[in-house]
Amino acid sequence: MPDFYQHRLVTTLHQLADPPFEQQQEQLKEFTKDKPITLVMPALYSEVEGPALPGILDHLEKVEFINEVVISMNRMDASQFKKAKEFFSRLPQKHYIIWNDGPEVSKVYDQLSDAQITDYIPGKGCNVWMAYGVIMARGNAGVIAMHDSDILSYDKEMLARLCLPTVHPGLEYDYCKSYYGRVSDRMYGRVTRLFVIPLLRALIKVFGNLRMLDYLEGFRYPLSGEFSITTDLARRVRMPGDWGLEVGMLVEVYHNTTVNGICQVDLAESYDHKHQNLSLSDETKGLSRMSIDIIKTFIKKLATQGHSFSREELRSLKATYYRSALDLIDAYRGDAEMNGLKFDSHSEEKAVELFSRNIIKAGEEFYLNPMDTPFIPTWSRVKSAIPNFLTRLKETVNEDNKKYS
């Protein structure tokens, strides 16, 4: 049953009814006359051959309120780029593929590196950031929507709900974050359930009820990969280049607009996508690496607010997190029992123990390299440093798409 709960800071837009998609589509088509929407999909080439993308394209073929689609890809060679072009060719919207680690875009990154702006960091962060650059170079989008390319339960109504808050002239939100349930025969979303939520509660206990932490704690699914953002705001935010992308974006948005301009929207009753390995034995991979990058993002963002992390405070944070996470496992066990879901207490506690250890590891990484800056600079800075850069980027992407047609 839908609820009406509203957090103190973050407006929640619930799914209280089920309006027809056709009605939403007609609304959005009218609104986008003033605010055209460009959809960004970061992807690996492997997802072109995976189970989710064909279903996503089936739905996008029926969407009439999206002006353009930018697919920002990596990990492919020239023949795979051509196959990707053929794969996406059935999209009715104008669309462009960015080959981020291809020979021509690599030269564009070299120019950024030579100007000491940023280096290429393979991954979702750079893919999304470069897509923003192409959109700004084209100059015809008022809103940017972003979602992943591995959503198995994708539906066109998700995209409509994601875009409506930022494009609706009567709502005036600058940023809309999605939330949903990650449930099948069991609960998923381990990093959110077992790490981020109890970590935020532990940070509040250790550092006090800071407004930024209170804001972050208000998001029901802070690691969701779907959001919409106005182009004006996108131009001002710094994009995280590591696994801290989703949390880092929430903090960047917080610093660049008012909280009243931020909302979260209920995207779907159930949501399914690719599940990452926990990676118990290798901290450079999977959810283990993700948890380290996330805690480093929190440490750095709190440092910008004037808070220091001593080793004693880090140990206190670890202990506070551990207790909070164990308490939540008890709550999740009750939820699973009430709903007839499978629940493995042992694997849940193993995950918590790993995340607990990674708090200390992340702190040590921060102490060893305090000048590390995983945030990619804003596009405003790039434009200031290299005035003709966006023109070159647009031409490079256009030439790639023509060459491999």
Protein backbone atom coordinates (compact mmCIF):
# COMPACT_ATOMS: atom_id res chain seq x y z
CA MET A 1 0.00 0.00 0.00
CA PRO A 2 1.43 3.45 -0.87
CA ASP A 3 2.45 5.70 2.01
CA PHE A 4 2.53 9.46 2.41
CA TYR A 5 5.77 9.82 4.37
CA GLN A 6 7.75 13.01 3.74
CA HIS A 7 11.30 13.52 4.99
CA ARG A 8 12.14 16.83 6.68
CA LEU A 9 14.32 18.00 3.78
CA VAL A 10 13.87 15.80 0.70
CA THR A 11 10.48 15.89 -1.03
CA THR A 12 9.20 12.41 -1.88
CA LEU A 13 6.89 11.96 -4.88
CA HIS A 14 5.01 8.71 -4.23
CA GLN A 15 3.20 6.44 -6.66
CA LEU A 16 -0.32 6.80 -5.25
CA ALA A 17 -2.15 5.98 -8.48
CA ASP A 18 -1.43 4.49 -11.89
CA PRO A 19 -2.18 7.10 -14.58
CA PRO A 20 -2.14 5.79 -18.17
CA PHE A 21 1.20 6.15 -19.95
CA GLU A 22 -0.57 7.81 -22.89
CA GLN A 23 -1.75 10.59 -20.58
CA GLN A 24 1.75 11.09 -19.17
CA GLN A 25 3.25 11.05 -22.66
CA GLU A 26 0.90 13.78 -23.92
CA GLN A 27 1.74 15.93 -20.90
CA LEU A 28 5.46 15.47 -21.43
CA LYS A 29 5.26 16.20 -25.15
CA GLU A 30 3.67 19.54 -24.31
CA PHE A 31 6.17 20.39 -21.57
CA THR A 32 9.19 19.49 -23.68
CA LYS A 33 8.38 22.18 -26.21
CA ASP A 34 10.10 24.51 -23.72
CA LYS A 35 12.44 21.96 -22.09
CA PRO A 36 13.60 19.28 -24.55
CA ILE A 37 14.84 16.09 -22.87
CA THR A 38 17.99 14.18 -23.80
CA LEU A 39 18.38 10.67 -22.40
CA VAL A 40 21.86 9.45 -21.39
CA MET A 41 22.61 5.73 -21.15
CA PRO A 42 26.12 4.77 -20.00
CA ALA A 43 27.00 1.26 -21.14
CA LEU A 44 29.67 -1.34 -21.66
CA TYR A 45 29.71 -3.12 -24.99
CA SER A 46 28.90 -6.38 -23.18
CA GLU A 47 25.47 -4.94 -22.39
CA VAL A 48 24.68 -4.78 -26.11
CA GLU A 49 24.90 -8.57 -26.05
CA GLY A 50 23.19 -8.86 -22.65
CA PRO A 51 19.55 -9.60 -21.76
CA ALA A 52 18.39 -6.13 -20.67
CA LEU A 53 19.11 -3.67 -23.52
CA PRO A 54 16.83 -5.25 -26.15
CA GLY A 55 13.89 -4.86 -23.77
CA ILE A 56 14.87 -1.26 -22.99
CA LEU A 57 14.89 -0.42 -26.71
CA ASP A 58 11.48 -2.07 -27.13
CA HIS A 59 10.09 0.50 -24.70
CA LEU A 60 12.11 3.47 -25.98
CA GLU A 61 10.69 2.86 -29.47
CA LYS A 62 7.30 3.88 -28.04
CA VAL A 63 8.56 7.03 -26.26
CA GLU A 64 7.77 10.29 -28.06
CA PHE A 65 8.85 12.86 -25.44
CA ILE A 66 12.61 12.20 -25.66
CA ASN A 67 14.35 14.49 -28.14
CA GLU A 68 17.74 12.74 -28.34
CA VAL A 69 19.54 9.75 -26.86
CA VAL A 70 23.25 9.71 -26.05
CA ILE A 71 24.76 6.26 -25.45
CA SER A 72 28.15 6.68 -23.76
CA MET A 73 30.16 3.46 -24.10
CA ASN A 74 33.53 1.87 -23.49
CA ARG A 75 35.31 -1.52 -23.59
CA MET A 76 34.84 -2.20 -27.31
CA ASP A 77 36.87 -2.33 -30.51
CA ALA A 78 36.02 -0.91 -33.94
CA SER A 79 33.98 -3.93 -35.08
CA GLN A 80 32.01 -3.85 -31.84
CA PHE A 81 31.40 -0.11 -32.24
CA LYS A 82 29.89 -0.83 -35.64
CA LYS A 83 27.70 -3.58 -34.16
CA ALA A 84 26.58 -1.17 -31.44
CA LYS A 85 25.63 1.35 -34.13
CA GLU A 86 23.50 -1.30 -35.85
CA PHE A 87 21.98 -2.39 -32.55
CA PHE A 88 20.80 1.12 -31.61
CA SER A 89 19.76 2.05 -35.16
CA ARG A 90 16.13 1.10 -34.50
CA LEU A 91 15.71 3.96 -32.04
CA PRO A 92 13.29 6.50 -33.53
CA GLN A 93 14.94 9.38 -31.64
CA LYS A 94 18.12 11.08 -32.85
CA HIS A 95 20.92 9.20 -31.14
CA TYR A 96 24.71 9.29 -30.84
CA ILE A 97 27.23 6.82 -29.48
CA ILE A 98 30.31 8.11 -27.65
CA TRP A 99 33.21 5.63 -27.92
CA ASN A 100 34.99 6.83 -24.78
CA ASP A 101 38.08 4.64 -25.09
CA GLY A 102 38.18 4.77 -28.89
CA PRO A 103 41.14 6.34 -30.74
CA GLU A 104 39.49 9.69 -31.54
CA VAL A 105 37.81 10.40 -28.20
CA SER A 106 41.06 9.31 -26.51
CA LYS A 107 42.76 12.23 -28.29
CA VAL A 108 40.10 14.52 -26.83
CA TYR A 109 40.92 13.20 -23.36
CA ASP A 110 44.63 13.78 -24.09
CA GLN A 111 43.84 17.45 -24.66
CA LEU A 112 42.12 17.58 -21.25
CA SER A 113 45.09 15.87 -19.64
CA ASP A 114 47.59 18.22 -21.30
CA ALA A 115 45.61 21.18 -19.92
CA GLN A 116 45.76 19.51 -16.46
CA ILE A 117 41.96 19.36 -16.24
CA THR A 118 41.33 15.63 -15.95
CA ASP A 119 42.55 12.22 -17.10
CA TYR A 120 40.37 9.47 -18.49
CA ILE A 121 39.10 7.28 -15.65
CA PRO A 122 37.46 4.21 -17.24
CA GLY A 123 33.98 3.76 -15.89
CA LYS A 124 30.49 5.13 -15.53
CA GLY A 125 31.54 8.52 -14.12
CA CYS A 126 33.58 9.55 -17.17
CA ASN A 127 30.99 8.08 -19.52
CA VAL A 128 28.21 10.20 -18.01
CA TRP A 129 30.42 13.30 -17.81
CA MET A 130 31.41 13.08 -21.47
CA ALA A 131 27.77 12.60 -22.44
CA TYR A 132 26.98 15.84 -20.60
CA GLY A 133 29.68 17.55 -22.65
CA VAL A 134 28.19 16.36 -25.94
CA ILE A 135 24.73 17.51 -24.83
CA MET A 136 26.04 20.96 -23.89
CA ALA A 137 27.95 21.19 -27.16
CA ARG A 138 24.73 20.49 -29.06
CA GLY A 139 22.92 23.06 -26.93
CA ASN A 140 19.37 21.78 -27.44
CA ALA A 141 18.45 20.13 -24.12
CA GLY A 142 16.71 21.67 -21.13
CA VAL A 143 16.68 18.47 -19.07
CA ILE A 144 19.00 15.45 -19.02
CA ALA A 145 17.61 12.08 -17.93
CA MET A 146 19.98 9.26 -17.05
CA HIS A 147 19.46 5.57 -16.48
CA ASP A 148 21.58 2.43 -16.65
CA SER A 149 21.59 -0.07 -19.51
CA ASP A 150 21.15 -3.25 -17.46
CA ILE A 151 17.58 -2.77 -16.17
CA LEU A 152 15.80 -6.09 -16.68
CA SER A 153 12.43 -4.77 -15.46
CA TYR A 154 12.51 -1.58 -17.57
CA ASP A 155 9.24 0.08 -18.52
CA LYS A 156 8.61 3.29 -20.46
CA GLU A 157 6.48 4.53 -17.53
CA MET A 158 9.68 4.60 -15.42
CA LEU A 159 11.18 7.13 -17.81
CA ALA A 160 8.01 9.25 -17.77
CA ARG A 161 7.97 9.36 -13.96
CA LEU A 162 11.69 10.15 -13.86
CA CYS A 163 11.38 13.12 -16.23
CA LEU A 164 8.09 14.65 -15.13
CA PRO A 165 9.33 16.41 -11.95
CA THR A 166 12.13 18.32 -13.72
CA VAL A 167 10.25 19.19 -16.92
CA HIS A 168 6.83 20.06 -15.43
CA PRO A 169 6.53 23.88 -15.37
CA GLY A 170 4.47 23.79 -12.18
CA LEU A 171 6.89 21.68 -10.15
CA GLU A 172 10.22 23.41 -10.85
CA TYR A 173 12.58 20.74 -9.52
CA ASP A 174 16.21 20.96 -10.68
CA TYR A 175 17.07 17.37 -9.77
CA CYS A 176 14.99 14.23 -9.38
CA LYS A 177 16.40 11.00 -7.90
CA SER A 178 14.66 7.64 -8.26
CA TYR A 179 13.89 5.04 -5.63
CA TYR A 180 12.31 1.59 -5.82
CA GLY A 181 12.24 -1.84 -4.22
CA ARG A 182 14.96 -4.37 -5.08
CA VAL A 183 12.99 -7.52 -4.30
CA SER A 184 12.28 -10.83 -6.02
CA ASP A 185 12.18 -13.97 -3.87
CA ARG A 186 14.62 -12.16 -1.53
CA MET A 187 15.87 -8.66 -0.81
CA TYR A 188 18.71 -7.26 -2.91
CA GLY A 189 20.36 -3.82 -2.75
CA ARG A 190 22.97 -4.97 -0.24
CA VAL A 191 25.22 -1.91 -0.46
CA THR A 192 22.27 0.38 0.20
CA ARG A 193 20.60 -1.76 2.88
CA LEU A 194 23.66 -3.02 4.71
CA PHE A 195 26.20 -0.26 4.12
CA VAL A 196 25.01 3.20 3.09
CA ILE A 197 21.94 3.46 5.33
CA PRO A 198 23.64 2.24 8.54
CA LEU A 199 26.79 4.20 7.64
CA LEU A 200 24.82 7.44 7.37
CA ARG A 201 23.20 6.75 10.74
CA ALA A 202 26.61 6.04 12.23
CA LEU A 203 28.05 9.27 10.77
CA ILE A 204 25.19 11.22 12.34
CA LYS A 205 25.92 9.62 15.73
CA VAL A 206 29.65 10.35 15.48
CA PHE A 207 29.55 13.85 13.92
CA GLY A 208 26.13 15.09 14.98
CA ASN A 209 23.00 15.85 13.01
CA LEU A 210 24.67 17.88 10.25
CA ARG A 211 22.30 19.25 7.63
CA MET A 212 24.14 17.54 4.76
CA LEU A 213 23.96 14.14 6.51
CA ASP A 214 20.31 14.71 7.35
CA TYR A 215 19.67 15.47 3.68
CA LEU A 216 21.48 12.32 2.50
CA GLU A 217 19.69 10.17 5.07
CA GLY A 218 16.39 11.32 3.55
CA PHE A 219 16.94 9.41 0.28
CA ARG A 220 15.25 6.04 0.21
CA TYR A 221 17.68 4.57 -2.34
CA PRO A 222 20.78 6.79 -2.48
CA LEU A 223 22.60 4.42 -4.85
CA SER A 224 19.90 4.35 -7.54
CA GLY A 225 21.39 5.01 -10.98
CA GLU A 226 18.42 6.90 -12.43
CA PHE A 227 17.92 10.64 -12.19
CA SER A 228 16.91 13.68 -14.19
CA ILE A 229 18.62 17.05 -13.94
CA THR A 230 18.26 20.44 -15.59
CA THR A 231 21.05 21.28 -18.02
CA ASP A 232 21.85 24.47 -16.08
CA LEU A 233 22.51 22.46 -12.91
CA ALA A 234 24.42 19.74 -14.80
CA ARG A 235 26.83 22.40 -16.06
CA ARG A 236 27.75 23.32 -12.47
CA VAL A 237 28.20 19.95 -10.76
CA ARG A 238 31.43 18.00 -10.45
CA MET A 239 31.06 14.40 -11.57
CA PRO A 240 32.65 11.73 -9.36
CA GLY A 241 34.85 9.43 -11.42
CA ASP A 242 34.72 6.31 -9.21
CA TRP A 243 32.14 4.04 -7.52
CA GLY A 244 31.09 7.00 -5.38
CA LEU A 245 29.22 8.45 -8.38
CA GLU A 246 25.66 8.27 -7.03
CA VAL A 247 26.44 9.51 -3.50
CA GLY A 248 28.87 12.13 -4.81
CA MET A 249 26.23 13.46 -7.22
CA LEU A 250 23.75 13.85 -4.36
CA VAL A 251 26.27 15.94 -2.44
CA GLU A 252 27.20 18.02 -5.51
CA VAL A 253 23.55 18.76 -6.20
CA TYR A 254 23.10 19.75 -2.55
CA HIS A 255 25.89 22.32 -2.89
CA ASN A 256 24.68 23.73 -6.21
CA THR A 257 20.95 24.21 -5.77
CA THR A 258 18.41 24.59 -2.97
CA VAL A 259 17.02 21.55 -1.17
CA ASN A 260 13.56 22.71 -2.26
CA GLY A 261 14.68 22.08 -5.83
CA ILE A 262 15.53 18.42 -5.13
CA CYS A 263 13.11 15.50 -4.98
CA GLN A 264 12.97 11.72 -5.14
CA VAL A 265 10.36 9.78 -7.10
CA ASP A 266 8.93 6.29 -6.67
CA LEU A 267 9.93 4.70 -9.97
CA ALA A 268 8.55 1.16 -9.73
CA GLU A 269 7.11 -1.42 -7.37
CA SER A 270 9.93 -3.78 -8.26
CA TYR A 271 13.23 -3.19 -10.02
CA ASP A 272 15.76 -5.72 -11.26
CA HIS A 273 19.17 -5.25 -12.82
CA LYS A 274 22.61 -6.87 -12.90
CA HIS A 275 23.80 -7.98 -9.47
CA GLN A 276 27.41 -7.27 -8.49
CA ASN A 277 29.57 -9.83 -6.68
CA LEU A 278 30.42 -9.07 -3.08
CA SER A 279 34.11 -9.84 -3.81
CA LEU A 280 35.14 -10.96 -0.34
CA SER A 281 38.70 -11.83 -1.38
CA ASP A 282 39.53 -8.88 -3.69
CA GLU A 283 38.93 -5.33 -2.50
CA THR A 284 39.60 -3.91 -5.98
CA LYS A 285 36.42 -5.42 -7.43
CA GLY A 286 32.68 -5.67 -6.97
CA LEU A 287 30.76 -4.38 -3.98
CA SER A 288 33.94 -4.34 -1.87
CA ARG A 289 35.53 -1.69 -4.12
CA MET A 290 32.25 0.18 -4.28
CA SER A 291 32.02 0.39 -0.48
CA ILE A 292 35.59 1.73 -0.19
CA ASP A 293 34.94 4.44 -2.79
CA ILE A 294 31.69 5.42 -1.09
CA ILE A 295 33.25 5.89 2.36
CA LYS A 296 36.11 7.89 0.79
CA THR A 297 33.48 10.13 -0.81
CA PHE A 298 31.86 10.69 2.60
CA ILE A 299 35.23 11.42 4.24
CA LYS A 300 36.19 13.96 1.59
CA LYS A 301 32.81 15.66 1.58
CA LEU A 302 32.79 15.97 5.38
CA ALA A 303 36.34 17.31 5.19
CA THR A 304 35.06 20.12 2.94
CA GLN A 305 32.64 20.99 5.75
CA GLY A 306 35.55 21.39 8.18
CA HIS A 307 35.41 17.96 9.83
CA SER A 308 38.57 15.91 10.36
CA PHE A 309 38.85 12.13 10.55
CA SER A 310 41.35 10.95 13.14
CA ARG A 311 42.13 7.26 13.37
CA GLU A 312 40.27 7.18 16.68
CA GLU A 313 37.17 8.67 15.06
CA LEU A 314 37.46 6.17 12.21
CA ARG A 315 37.55 3.26 14.68
CA SER A 316 34.56 4.75 16.49
CA LEU A 317 32.71 5.09 13.17
CA LYS A 318 33.47 1.45 12.34
CA ALA A 319 32.10 0.22 15.66
CA THR A 320 29.00 2.45 15.45
CA TYR A 321 28.34 1.35 11.88
CA TYR A 322 28.72 -2.32 12.80
CA ARG A 323 26.14 -2.11 15.58
CA SER A 324 23.71 -0.13 13.42
CA ALA A 325 24.03 -2.59 10.54
CA LEU A 326 23.44 -5.62 12.78
CA ASP A 327 20.29 -3.99 14.15
CA LEU A 328 19.07 -3.45 10.60
CA ILE A 329 19.68 -7.12 9.75
CA ASP A 330 17.23 -8.00 12.52
CA ALA A 331 14.69 -5.62 10.97
CA TYR A 332 15.24 -7.08 7.49
CA ARG A 333 14.79 -10.59 8.88
CA GLY A 334 11.39 -9.58 10.21
CA ASP A 335 10.47 -8.01 6.86
CA ALA A 336 11.46 -11.20 5.03
CA GLU A 337 9.49 -13.41 7.41
CA MET A 338 6.35 -11.26 7.09
CA ASN A 339 6.54 -11.39 3.28
CA GLY A 340 7.60 -15.00 2.78
CA LEU A 341 11.01 -14.07 1.37
CA LYS A 342 14.24 -16.04 1.56
CA PHE A 343 16.70 -14.60 4.06
CA ASP A 344 20.29 -15.70 4.75
CA SER A 345 21.47 -14.15 8.02
CA HIS A 346 24.97 -15.59 7.59
CA SER A 347 25.59 -13.94 4.19
CA GLU A 348 24.08 -10.66 5.43
CA GLU A 349 26.47 -10.60 8.41
CA LYS A 350 29.44 -11.56 6.19
CA ALA A 351 28.67 -8.54 4.03
CA VAL A 352 28.48 -6.27 7.08
CA GLU A 353 31.82 -7.59 8.35
CA LEU A 354 33.41 -6.85 4.95
CA PHE A 355 31.96 -3.34 4.81
CA SER A 356 33.09 -2.74 8.40
CA ARG A 357 36.69 -3.64 7.53
CA ASN A 358 36.52 -1.46 4.43
CA ILE A 359 35.74 1.63 6.52
CA ILE A 360 39.24 1.36 7.98
CA LYS A 361 40.78 0.56 4.58
CA ALA A 362 39.11 3.59 3.01
CA GLY A 363 40.40 5.79 5.83
CA GLU A 364 43.93 4.50 5.33
CA GLU A 365 43.71 5.19 1.58
CA PHE A 366 42.62 8.74 2.39
CA TYR A 367 45.50 9.26 4.85
CA LEU A 368 48.03 7.95 2.31
CA ASN A 369 46.72 10.14 -0.51
CA PRO A 370 44.87 13.15 0.96
CA MET A 371 45.27 15.16 -2.28
CA ASP A 372 43.43 12.57 -4.37
CA THR A 373 40.58 14.29 -6.25
CA PRO A 374 38.19 11.77 -7.85
CA PHE A 375 35.80 14.52 -8.99
CA ILE A 376 35.96 15.50 -12.64
CA PRO A 377 35.84 19.31 -13.06
CA THR A 378 32.70 21.11 -14.18
CA TRP A 379 32.03 21.78 -17.85
CA SER A 380 32.07 25.48 -17.01
CA ARG A 381 35.75 25.11 -16.08
CA VAL A 382 36.54 23.15 -19.25
CA LYS A 383 34.92 25.84 -21.38
CA SER A 384 36.95 28.50 -19.58
CA ALA A 385 40.26 26.64 -19.97
CA ILE A 386 39.73 25.48 -23.58
CA PRO A 387 37.13 27.75 -25.25
CA ASN A 388 36.75 25.62 -28.40
CA PHE A 389 36.75 22.25 -26.63
CA LEU A 390 33.00 21.54 -26.83
CA THR A 391 33.02 22.22 -30.57
CA ARG A 392 35.86 19.76 -31.04
CA LEU A 393 34.11 17.16 -28.88
CA LYS A 394 30.88 17.43 -30.87
CA GLU A 395 32.76 17.12 -34.17
CA THR A 396 34.74 14.10 -32.91
CA VAL A 397 31.60 12.23 -31.82
CA ASN A 398 29.83 13.11 -35.08
CA GLU A 399 32.78 11.83 -37.14
CA ASP A 400 32.94 8.57 -35.17
CA ASN A 401 29.26 7.96 -35.78
CA LYS A 402 29.58 8.68 -39.51
CA LYS A 403 32.79 6.68 -39.97
CA TYR A 404 31.44 3.44 -38.55
CA SER A 405 28.00 3.59 -40.14
